[in-house]
């Protein structure tokens, strides 16, 4: 089962992997499902991504899903502070 998500401002692929799949390891699965991503560190807000892998860690993914939390682990702006 796959689903489509929309990239939010400041989100990275690692953020999305943790939020949707429960682990940063899901980054590879997201890249495989979205071959049009050329630069993993430069996502444009509003971009649609396909998530077609089952969660790696259901508890972590469920935490974000149930609370409708958007995960922002790291942004380049945070590094400048």
Protein backbone atom coordinates (compact mmCIF):
# COMPACT_ATOMS: atom_id res chain seq x y z
CA UNK A 1 0.00 0.00 0.00
CA UNK A 2 1.45 3.37 -0.94
CA UNK A 3 0.53 6.87 0.03
CA UNK A 4 1.41 10.33 -1.19
CA UNK A 5 2.73 12.97 1.16
CA UNK A 6 3.49 16.65 0.63
CA UNK A 7 6.86 18.07 1.68
CA UNK A 8 6.49 20.85 4.26
CA UNK A 9 8.74 23.90 4.61
CA UNK A 10 12.01 22.90 6.28
CA UNK A 11 11.52 19.14 5.96
CA UNK A 12 14.35 16.91 4.86
CA UNK A 13 14.16 13.33 3.61
CA UNK A 14 15.45 12.15 6.98
CA UNK A 15 12.59 14.01 8.69
CA UNK A 16 10.08 12.36 6.36
CA UNK A 17 11.66 8.91 6.81
CA UNK A 18 11.38 9.18 10.60
CA UNK A 19 7.87 10.58 10.46
CA UNK A 20 6.47 8.16 7.89
CA UNK A 21 8.56 5.02 8.37
CA UNK A 22 9.75 5.39 11.95
CA UNK A 23 13.47 5.39 11.15
CA UNK A 24 16.07 7.35 9.22
CA UNK A 25 16.88 4.03 7.51
CA UNK A 26 13.68 4.59 5.50
CA UNK A 27 15.48 7.29 3.53
CA UNK A 28 16.69 4.71 1.00
CA UNK A 29 13.16 3.37 0.51
CA UNK A 30 11.85 6.87 -0.12
CA UNK A 31 14.59 7.55 -2.67
CA UNK A 32 13.80 4.28 -4.47
CA UNK A 33 10.10 5.14 -4.65
CA UNK A 34 10.83 8.68 -5.89
CA UNK A 35 13.55 8.45 -8.55
CA UNK A 36 12.93 12.05 -9.61
CA UNK A 37 14.65 13.29 -6.43
CA UNK A 38 18.05 14.46 -7.61
CA UNK A 39 19.34 16.13 -4.45
CA UNK A 40 18.12 14.56 -1.23
CA UNK A 41 19.07 17.63 0.80
CA UNK A 42 17.14 20.10 -1.38
CA UNK A 43 13.43 19.35 -1.11
CA UNK A 44 10.97 21.97 -2.27
CA UNK A 45 7.93 22.56 -0.08
CA UNK A 46 4.82 21.30 -1.84
CA UNK A 47 6.66 18.47 -3.61
CA UNK A 48 4.62 15.25 -3.62
CA UNK A 49 6.45 12.08 -2.55
CA UNK A 50 5.34 8.46 -2.67
CA UNK A 51 5.80 6.35 0.44
CA UNK A 52 5.39 2.71 -0.57
CA UNK A 53 7.29 0.88 2.16
CA UNK A 54 5.87 -0.46 5.42
CA UNK A 55 7.07 1.29 8.59
CA UNK A 56 10.43 0.14 9.93
CA UNK A 57 9.43 1.15 13.47
CA UNK A 58 5.65 1.20 13.81
CA UNK A 59 5.73 2.80 17.27
CA UNK A 60 7.74 5.83 16.12
CA UNK A 61 5.79 6.27 12.88
CA UNK A 62 2.52 5.88 14.80
CA UNK A 63 3.56 8.53 17.32
CA UNK A 64 3.97 11.14 14.59
CA UNK A 65 0.88 9.99 12.70
CA UNK A 66 -1.46 9.90 15.71
CA UNK A 67 -0.45 13.35 16.90
CA UNK A 68 -0.23 14.87 13.40
CA UNK A 69 3.30 16.06 14.19
CA UNK A 70 5.64 17.19 11.43
CA UNK A 71 9.16 16.08 12.21
CA UNK A 72 11.94 18.64 11.63
CA UNK A 73 15.14 17.02 12.87
CA UNK A 74 17.60 19.27 11.11
CA UNK A 75 17.45 22.25 8.83
CA UNK A 76 20.29 24.30 7.43
CA UNK A 77 18.84 27.36 9.23
CA UNK A 78 19.27 25.61 12.58
CA UNK A 79 22.98 25.17 11.88
CA UNK A 80 23.37 28.93 11.50
CA UNK A 81 22.05 29.71 15.02
